[in-house]
Amino acid sequence: MTVLEEWIDAVCLELGIDRDDVDRDLILDLAREVAHGVARPGAPLTAYLLGLAVGRGTPARDGAARLTAMAEGWKPGPGSQDS
């Protein structure tokens, strides 16, 4: 088992989350697209926002697909700065 898998298992146990509900690759792929297409700090924030949406009933794969598409086509507005 990798350190990442051990961490995910421990976090799931701590937060009472069913490990089978965690799609590691889905989240990492989304984070990669946001980090490269928008801004690095946007990756963890976007993952968190997806988690909130999933908690409110949005299917994880649907939400991640929509956000990935947004990140892939993201064009910052005029005068935008990296944060």
PDB file of N, CA and C in Angstrom:
ATOM      1  N   MET A   1       0.853  -1.177   0.000  1.00  0.00           N
ATOM      2  CA  MET A   1       0.000   0.000   0.000  1.00  0.00           C
ATOM      3  C   MET A   1       0.898   1.239   0.000  1.00  0.00           C
ATOM      4  N   THR A   2       0.511   2.229  -0.774  1.00  0.00           N
ATOM      5  CA  THR A   2       1.288   3.462  -0.848  1.00  0.00           C
ATOM      6  C   THR A   2       0.939   4.382   0.324  1.00  0.00           C
ATOM      7  N   VAL A   3       1.796   5.347   0.535  1.00  0.00           N
ATOM      8  CA  VAL A   3       1.549   6.346   1.580  1.00  0.00           C
ATOM      9  C   VAL A   3       0.229   7.069   1.299  1.00  0.00           C
ATOM     10  N   LEU A   4      -0.018   7.392   0.043  1.00  0.00           N
ATOM     11  CA  LEU A   4      -1.264   8.087  -0.304  1.00  0.00           C
ATOM     12  C   LEU A   4      -2.481   7.233   0.040  1.00  0.00           C
ATOM     13  N   GLU A   5      -2.436   5.960  -0.293  1.00  0.00           N
ATOM     14  CA  GLU A   5      -3.557   5.069   0.028  1.00  0.00           C
ATOM     15  C   GLU A   5      -3.747   4.955   1.537  1.00  0.00           C
ATOM     16  N   GLU A   6      -2.653   4.854   2.284  1.00  0.00           N
ATOM     17  CA  GLU A   6      -2.742   4.814   3.745  1.00  0.00           C
ATOM     18  C   GLU A   6      -3.392   6.087   4.273  1.00  0.00           C
ATOM     19  N   TRP A   7      -2.986   7.229   3.710  1.00  0.00           N
ATOM     20  CA  TRP A   7      -3.541   8.521   4.133  1.00  0.00           C
ATOM     21  C   TRP A   7      -5.039   8.571   3.848  1.00  0.00           C
ATOM     22  N   ILE A   8      -5.441   8.187   2.640  1.00  0.00           N
ATOM     23  CA  ILE A   8      -6.862   8.208   2.276  1.00  0.00           C
ATOM     24  C   ILE A   8      -7.662   7.316   3.224  1.00  0.00           C
ATOM     25  N   ASP A   9      -7.153   6.120   3.487  1.00  0.00           N
ATOM     26  CA  ASP A   9      -7.837   5.209   4.405  1.00  0.00           C
ATOM     27  C   ASP A   9      -7.981   5.835   5.786  1.00  0.00           C
ATOM     28  N   ALA A  10      -6.911   6.451   6.285  1.00  0.00           N
ATOM     29  CA  ALA A  10      -6.943   7.063   7.612  1.00  0.00           C
ATOM     30  C   ALA A  10      -7.912   8.239   7.665  1.00  0.00           C
ATOM     31  N   VAL A  11      -7.920   9.064   6.616  1.00  0.00           N
ATOM     32  CA  VAL A  11      -8.830  10.214   6.574  1.00  0.00           C
ATOM     33  C   VAL A  11     -10.280   9.734   6.518  1.00  0.00           C
ATOM     34  N   CYS A  12     -10.546   8.727   5.712  1.00  0.00           N
ATOM     35  CA  CYS A  12     -11.902   8.182   5.627  1.00  0.00           C
ATOM     36  C   CYS A  12     -12.361   7.660   6.982  1.00  0.00           C
ATOM     37  N   LEU A  13     -11.483   6.951   7.663  1.00  0.00           N
ATOM     38  CA  LEU A  13     -11.817   6.432   8.986  1.00  0.00           C
ATOM     39  C   LEU A  13     -12.096   7.581   9.955  1.00  0.00           C
ATOM     40  N   GLU A  14     -11.236   8.587   9.936  1.00  0.00           N
ATOM     41  CA  GLU A  14     -11.384   9.733  10.843  1.00  0.00           C
ATOM     42  C   GLU A  14     -12.682  10.496  10.602  1.00  0.00           C
ATOM     43  N   LEU A  15     -13.065  10.649   9.328  1.00  0.00           N
ATOM     44  CA  LEU A  15     -14.242  11.447   8.983  1.00  0.00           C
ATOM     45  C   LEU A  15     -15.511  10.616   8.808  1.00  0.00           C
ATOM     46  N   GLY A  16     -15.394   9.300   8.969  1.00  0.00           N
ATOM     47  CA  GLY A  16     -16.579   8.452   8.826  1.00  0.00           C
ATOM     48  C   GLY A  16     -17.064   8.339   7.391  1.00  0.00           C
ATOM     49  N   ILE A  17     -16.130   8.342   6.456  1.00  0.00           N
ATOM     50  CA  ILE A  17     -16.462   8.243   5.028  1.00  0.00           C
ATOM     51  C   ILE A  17     -16.201   6.815   4.572  1.00  0.00           C
ATOM     52  N   ASP A  18     -17.121   6.273   3.794  1.00  0.00           N
ATOM     53  CA  ASP A  18     -16.933   4.943   3.216  1.00  0.00           C
ATOM     54  C   ASP A  18     -15.836   5.028   2.160  1.00  0.00           C
ATOM     55  N   ARG A  19     -14.781   4.269   2.343  1.00  0.00           N
ATOM     56  CA  ARG A  19     -13.626   4.313   1.412  1.00  0.00           C
ATOM     57  C   ARG A  19     -14.041   4.020  -0.020  1.00  0.00           C
ATOM     58  N   ASP A  20     -15.074   3.212  -0.199  1.00  0.00           N
ATOM     59  CA  ASP A  20     -15.547   2.893  -1.546  1.00  0.00           C
ATOM     60  C   ASP A  20     -16.172   4.100  -2.248  1.00  0.00           C
ATOM     61  N   ASP A  21     -16.500   5.141  -1.496  1.00  0.00           N
ATOM     62  CA  ASP A  21     -17.080   6.358  -2.074  1.00  0.00           C
ATOM     63  C   ASP A  21     -16.019   7.321  -2.595  1.00  0.00           C
ATOM     64  N   VAL A  22     -14.742   7.010  -2.380  1.00  0.00           N
ATOM     65  CA  VAL A  22     -13.650   7.913  -2.750  1.00  0.00           C
ATOM     66  C   VAL A  22     -13.027   7.443  -4.061  1.00  0.00           C
ATOM     67  N   ASP A  23     -13.156   8.294  -5.085  1.00  0.00           N
ATOM     68  CA  ASP A  23     -12.545   8.007  -6.394  1.00  0.00           C
ATOM     69  C   ASP A  23     -11.275   8.854  -6.501  1.00  0.00           C
ATOM     70  N   ARG A  24     -10.180   8.308  -6.006  1.00  0.00           N
ATOM     71  CA  ARG A  24      -8.904   9.031  -5.968  1.00  0.00           C
ATOM     72  C   ARG A  24      -8.517   9.600  -7.315  1.00  0.00           C
ATOM     73  N   ASP A  25      -8.568   8.779  -8.364  1.00  0.00           N
ATOM     74  CA  ASP A  25      -8.132   9.228  -9.685  1.00  0.00           C
ATOM     75  C   ASP A  25      -9.006  10.350 -10.227  1.00  0.00           C
ATOM     76  N   LEU A  26     -10.299  10.294  -9.960  1.00  0.00           N
ATOM     77  CA  LEU A  26     -11.209  11.353 -10.403  1.00  0.00           C
ATOM     78  C   LEU A  26     -10.794  12.694  -9.814  1.00  0.00           C
ATOM     79  N   ILE A  27     -10.523  12.716  -8.521  1.00  0.00           N
ATOM     80  CA  ILE A  27     -10.144  13.959  -7.845  1.00  0.00           C
ATOM     81  C   ILE A  27      -8.767  14.438  -8.295  1.00  0.00           C
ATOM     82  N   LEU A  28      -7.815  13.508  -8.414  1.00  0.00           N
ATOM     83  CA  LEU A  28      -6.469  13.908  -8.842  1.00  0.00           C
ATOM     84  C   LEU A  28      -6.460  14.425 -10.274  1.00  0.00           C
ATOM     85  N   ASP A  29      -7.257  13.822 -11.143  1.00  0.00           N
ATOM     86  CA  ASP A  29      -7.341  14.304 -12.524  1.00  0.00           C
ATOM     87  C   ASP A  29      -7.949  15.703 -12.578  1.00  0.00           C
ATOM     88  N   LEU A  30      -9.014  15.920 -11.811  1.00  0.00           N
ATOM     89  CA  LEU A  30      -9.620  17.249 -11.745  1.00  0.00           C
ATOM     90  C   LEU A  30      -8.617  18.267 -11.224  1.00  0.00           C
ATOM     91  N   ALA A  31      -7.933  17.930 -10.141  1.00  0.00           N
ATOM     92  CA  ALA A  31      -6.952  18.856  -9.552  1.00  0.00           C
ATOM     93  C   ALA A  31      -5.848  19.191 -10.556  1.00  0.00           C
ATOM     94  N   ARG A  32      -5.390  18.198 -11.302  1.00  0.00           N
ATOM     95  CA  ARG A  32      -4.344  18.444 -12.304  1.00  0.00           C
ATOM     96  C   ARG A  32      -4.835  19.431 -13.369  1.00  0.00           C
ATOM     97  N   GLU A  33      -6.038  19.227 -13.876  1.00  0.00           N
ATOM     98  CA  GLU A  33      -6.576  20.110 -14.918  1.00  0.00           C
ATOM     99  C   GLU A  33      -6.721  21.544 -14.413  1.00  0.00           C
ATOM    100  N   VAL A  34      -7.207  21.697 -13.193  1.00  0.00           N
ATOM    101  CA  VAL A  34      -7.378  23.041 -12.633  1.00  0.00           C
ATOM    102  C   VAL A  34      -6.014  23.677 -12.375  1.00  0.00           C
ATOM    103  N   ALA A  35      -5.086  22.918 -11.817  1.00  0.00           N
ATOM    104  CA  ALA A  35      -3.757  23.467 -11.530  1.00  0.00           C
ATOM    105  C   ALA A  35      -3.061  23.939 -12.795  1.00  0.00           C
ATOM    106  N   HIS A  36      -3.206  23.194 -13.870  1.00  0.00           N
ATOM    107  CA  HIS A  36      -2.527  23.552 -15.117  1.00  0.00           C
ATOM    108  C   HIS A  36      -3.320  24.544 -15.961  1.00  0.00           C
ATOM    109  N   GLY A  37      -4.655  24.460 -15.913  1.00  0.00           N
ATOM    110  CA  GLY A  37      -5.472  25.300 -16.776  1.00  0.00           C
ATOM    111  C   GLY A  37      -5.938  26.601 -16.154  1.00  0.00           C
ATOM    112  N   VAL A  38      -5.944  26.672 -14.842  1.00  0.00           N
ATOM    113  CA  VAL A  38      -6.449  27.867 -14.150  1.00  0.00           C
ATOM    114  C   VAL A  38      -5.341  28.440 -13.270  1.00  0.00           C
ATOM    115  N   ALA A  39      -5.106  27.827 -12.130  1.00  0.00           N
ATOM    116  CA  ALA A  39      -4.052  28.259 -11.199  1.00  0.00           C
ATOM    117  C   ALA A  39      -3.850  27.155 -10.174  1.00  0.00           C
ATOM    118  N   ARG A  40      -2.617  26.967  -9.757  1.00  0.00           N
ATOM    119  CA  ARG A  40      -2.310  25.896  -8.799  1.00  0.00           C
ATOM    120  C   ARG A  40      -3.164  25.949  -7.541  1.00  0.00           C
ATOM    121  N   PRO A  41      -3.332  27.132  -6.929  1.00  0.00           N
ATOM    122  CA  PRO A  41      -4.148  27.158  -5.711  1.00  0.00           C
ATOM    123  C   PRO A  41      -5.614  26.797  -5.960  1.00  0.00           C
ATOM    124  N   GLY A  42      -6.033  26.860  -7.203  1.00  0.00           N
ATOM    125  CA  GLY A  42      -7.406  26.494  -7.527  1.00  0.00           C
ATOM    126  C   GLY A  42      -7.679  25.008  -7.411  1.00  0.00           C
ATOM    127  N   ALA A  43      -6.638  24.180  -7.457  1.00  0.00           N
ATOM    128  CA  ALA A  43      -6.825  22.728  -7.430  1.00  0.00           C
ATOM    129  C   ALA A  43      -7.457  22.247  -6.118  1.00  0.00           C
ATOM    130  N   PRO A  44      -6.865  22.538  -4.959  1.00  0.00           N
ATOM    131  CA  PRO A  44      -7.505  22.047  -3.733  1.00  0.00           C
ATOM    132  C   PRO A  44      -8.845  22.733  -3.462  1.00  0.00           C
ATOM    133  N   LEU A  45      -8.954  23.989  -3.822  1.00  0.00           N
ATOM    134  CA  LEU A  45     -10.223  24.688  -3.613  1.00  0.00           C
ATOM    135  C   LEU A  45     -11.334  24.090  -4.466  1.00  0.00           C
ATOM    136  N   THR A  46     -11.008  23.751  -5.712  1.00  0.00           N
ATOM    137  CA  THR A  46     -11.994  23.150  -6.598  1.00  0.00           C
ATOM    138  C   THR A  46     -12.395  21.769  -6.098  1.00  0.00           C
ATOM    139  N   ALA A  47     -11.433  20.995  -5.612  1.00  0.00           N
ATOM    140  CA  ALA A  47     -11.746  19.681  -5.051  1.00  0.00           C
ATOM    141  C   ALA A  47     -12.688  19.824  -3.854  1.00  0.00           C
ATOM    142  N   TYR A  48     -12.431  20.811  -3.026  1.00  0.00           N
ATOM    143  CA  TYR A  48     -13.303  21.067  -1.878  1.00  0.00           C
ATOM    144  C   TYR A  48     -14.713  21.456  -2.333  1.00  0.00           C
ATOM    145  N   LEU A  49     -14.785  22.349  -3.317  1.00  0.00           N
ATOM    146  CA  LEU A  49     -16.098  22.776  -3.821  1.00  0.00           C
ATOM    147  C   LEU A  49     -16.858  21.607  -4.440  1.00  0.00           C
ATOM    148  N   LEU A  50     -16.151  20.733  -5.145  1.00  0.00           N
ATOM    149  CA  LEU A  50     -16.801  19.537  -5.680  1.00  0.00           C
ATOM    150  C   LEU A  50     -17.339  18.686  -4.529  1.00  0.00           C
ATOM    151  N   GLY A  51     -16.559  18.558  -3.456  1.00  0.00           N
ATOM    152  CA  GLY A  51     -17.021  17.807  -2.295  1.00  0.00           C
ATOM    153  C   GLY A  51     -18.291  18.390  -1.696  1.00  0.00           C
ATOM    154  N   LEU A  52     -18.360  19.708  -1.616  1.00  0.00           N
ATOM    155  CA  LEU A  52     -19.592  20.346  -1.131  1.00  0.00           C
ATOM    156  C   LEU A  52     -20.766  20.023  -2.044  1.00  0.00           C
ATOM    157  N   ALA A  53     -20.535  20.100  -3.358  1.00  0.00           N
ATOM    158  CA  ALA A  53     -21.612  19.807  -4.319  1.00  0.00           C
ATOM    159  C   ALA A  53     -22.061  18.350  -4.208  1.00  0.00           C
ATOM    160  N   VAL A  54     -21.101  17.445  -4.048  1.00  0.00           N
ATOM    161  CA  VAL A  54     -21.441  16.028  -3.904  1.00  0.00           C
ATOM    162  C   VAL A  54     -22.257  15.818  -2.630  1.00  0.00           C
ATOM    163  N   GLY A  55     -21.883  16.499  -1.573  1.00  0.00           N
ATOM    164  CA  GLY A  55     -22.636  16.415  -0.329  1.00  0.00           C
ATOM    165  C   GLY A  55     -24.064  16.911  -0.473  1.00  0.00           C
ATOM    166  N   ARG A  56     -24.292  17.734  -1.459  1.00  0.00           N
ATOM    167  CA  ARG A  56     -25.639  18.274  -1.707  1.00  0.00           C
ATOM    168  C   ARG A  56     -26.365  17.512  -2.809  1.00  0.00           C
ATOM    169  N   GLY A  57     -25.744  16.426  -3.281  1.00  0.00           N
ATOM    170  CA  GLY A  57     -26.462  15.562  -4.214  1.00  0.00           C
ATOM    171  C   GLY A  57     -25.950  15.499  -5.638  1.00  0.00           C
ATOM    172  N   THR A  58     -24.970  16.318  -6.007  1.00  0.00           N
ATOM    173  CA  THR A  58     -24.408  16.252  -7.358  1.00  0.00           C
ATOM    174  C   THR A  58     -23.566  14.986  -7.486  1.00  0.00           C
ATOM    175  N   PRO A  59     -23.799  14.177  -8.513  1.00  0.00           N
ATOM    176  CA  PRO A  59     -22.944  13.003  -8.700  1.00  0.00           C
ATOM    177  C   PRO A  59     -21.494  13.436  -8.940  1.00  0.00           C
ATOM    178  N   ALA A  60     -20.546  12.780  -8.267  1.00  0.00           N
ATOM    179  CA  ALA A  60     -19.137  13.178  -8.336  1.00  0.00           C
ATOM    180  C   ALA A  60     -18.624  13.200  -9.767  1.00  0.00           C
ATOM    181  N   ARG A  61     -18.902  12.168 -10.538  1.00  0.00           N
ATOM    182  CA  ARG A  61     -18.388  12.109 -11.914  1.00  0.00           C
ATOM    183  C   ARG A  61     -18.971  13.229 -12.773  1.00  0.00           C
ATOM    184  N   ASP A  62     -20.232  13.542 -12.585  1.00  0.00           N
ATOM    185  CA  ASP A  62     -20.862  14.625 -13.348  1.00  0.00           C
ATOM    186  C   ASP A  62     -20.236  15.964 -12.992  1.00  0.00           C
ATOM    187  N   GLY A  63     -20.120  16.235 -11.703  1.00  0.00           N
ATOM    188  CA  GLY A  63     -19.524  17.496 -11.272  1.00  0.00           C
ATOM    189  C   GLY A  63     -18.085  17.623 -11.724  1.00  0.00           C
ATOM    190  N   ALA A  64     -17.314  16.557 -11.589  1.00  0.00           N
ATOM    191  CA  ALA A  64     -15.905  16.594 -12.002  1.00  0.00           C
ATOM    192  C   ALA A  64     -15.785  16.798 -13.505  1.00  0.00           C
ATOM    193  N   ALA A  65     -16.640  16.162 -14.280  1.00  0.00           N
ATOM    194  CA  ALA A  65     -16.593  16.335 -15.735  1.00  0.00           C
ATOM    195  C   ALA A  65     -16.897  17.781 -16.113  1.00  0.00           C
ATOM    196  N   ARG A  66     -17.880  18.370 -15.473  1.00  0.00           N
ATOM    197  CA  ARG A  66     -18.226  19.762 -15.768  1.00  0.00           C
ATOM    198  C   ARG A  66     -17.089  20.713 -15.387  1.00  0.00           C
ATOM    199  N   LEU A  67     -16.491  20.485 -14.219  1.00  0.00           N
ATOM    200  CA  LEU A  67     -15.403  21.359 -13.786  1.00  0.00           C
ATOM    201  C   LEU A  67     -14.138  21.160 -14.619  1.00  0.00           C
ATOM    202  N   THR A  68     -13.876  19.932 -15.029  1.00  0.00           N
ATOM    203  CA  THR A  68     -12.727  19.666 -15.894  1.00  0.00           C
ATOM    204  C   THR A  68     -12.900  20.386 -17.219  1.00  0.00           C
ATOM    205  N   ALA A  69     -14.087  20.320 -17.789  1.00  0.00           N
ATOM    206  CA  ALA A  69     -14.351  21.020 -19.050  1.00  0.00           C
ATOM    207  C   ALA A  69     -14.162  22.526 -18.877  1.00  0.00           C
ATOM    208  N   MET A  70     -14.622  23.053 -17.759  1.00  0.00           N
ATOM    209  CA  MET A  70     -14.421  24.486 -17.491  1.00  0.00           C
ATOM    210  C   MET A  70     -12.937  24.820 -17.430  1.00  0.00           C
ATOM    211  N   ALA A  71     -12.174  24.011 -16.705  1.00  0.00           N
ATOM    212  CA  ALA A  71     -10.736  24.276 -16.540  1.00  0.00           C
ATOM    213  C   ALA A  71      -9.994  24.172 -17.860  1.00  0.00           C
ATOM    214  N   GLU A  72     -10.366  23.196 -18.685  1.00  0.00           N
ATOM    215  CA  GLU A  72      -9.692  23.007 -19.969  1.00  0.00           C
ATOM    216  C   GLU A  72      -9.894  24.201 -20.896  1.00  0.00           C
ATOM    217  N   GLY A  73     -11.038  24.851 -20.799  1.00  0.00           N
ATOM    218  CA  GLY A  73     -11.315  25.986 -21.675  1.00  0.00           C
ATOM    219  C   GLY A  73     -11.202  27.334 -20.985  1.00  0.00           C
ATOM    220  N   TRP A  74     -10.641  27.358 -19.796  1.00  0.00           N
ATOM    221  CA  TRP A  74     -10.620  28.583 -18.997  1.00  0.00           C
ATOM    222  C   TRP A  74      -9.775  29.671 -19.640  1.00  0.00           C
ATOM    223  N   LYS A  75     -10.381  30.837 -19.777  1.00  0.00           N
ATOM    224  CA  LYS A  75      -9.688  32.039 -20.263  1.00  0.00           C
ATOM    225  C   LYS A  75      -9.922  33.126 -19.234  1.00  0.00           C
ATOM    226  N   PRO A  76      -8.876  33.533 -18.526  1.00  0.00           N
ATOM    227  CA  PRO A  76      -9.053  34.575 -17.504  1.00  0.00           C
ATOM    228  C   PRO A  76      -9.547  35.875 -18.127  1.00  0.00           C
ATOM    229  N   GLY A  77     -10.307  36.602 -17.355  1.00  0.00           N
ATOM    230  CA  GLY A  77     -10.805  37.888 -17.811  1.00  0.00           C
ATOM    231  C   GLY A  77      -9.694  38.918 -17.900  1.00  0.00           C
ATOM    232  N   PRO A  78      -9.939  40.024 -18.610  1.00  0.00           N
ATOM    233  CA  PRO A  78      -8.931  41.080 -18.720  1.00  0.00           C
ATOM    234  C   PRO A  78      -8.567  41.615 -17.338  1.00  0.00           C
ATOM    235  N   GLY A  79      -7.300  41.811 -17.126  1.00  0.00           N
ATOM    236  CA  GLY A  79      -6.827  42.360 -15.855  1.00  0.00           C
ATOM    237  C   GLY A  79      -6.726  41.330 -14.738  1.00  0.00           C
ATOM    238  N   SER A  80      -7.030  40.056 -15.028  1.00  0.00           N
ATOM    239  CA  SER A  80      -6.913  39.025 -13.995  1.00  0.00           C
ATOM    240  C   SER A  80      -5.453  38.797 -13.644  1.00  0.00           C
ATOM    241  N   GLN A  81      -5.232  38.488 -12.368  1.00  0.00           N
ATOM    242  CA  GLN A  81      -3.885  38.210 -11.897  1.00  0.00           C
ATOM    243  C   GLN A  81      -3.863  36.840 -11.246  1.00  0.00           C
ATOM    244  N   ASP A  82      -2.713  36.190 -11.288  1.00  0.00           N
ATOM    245  CA  ASP A  82      -2.551  34.925 -10.576  1.00  0.00           C
ATOM    246  C   ASP A  82      -2.524  35.210  -9.089  1.00  0.00           C
ATOM    247  N   SER A  83      -3.074  34.296  -8.311  1.00  0.00           N
ATOM    248  CA  SER A  83      -3.046  34.440  -6.846  1.00  0.00           C
ATOM    249  C   SER A  83      -2.292  33.309  -6.239  1.00  0.00           C
TER     250      SER A  83
END
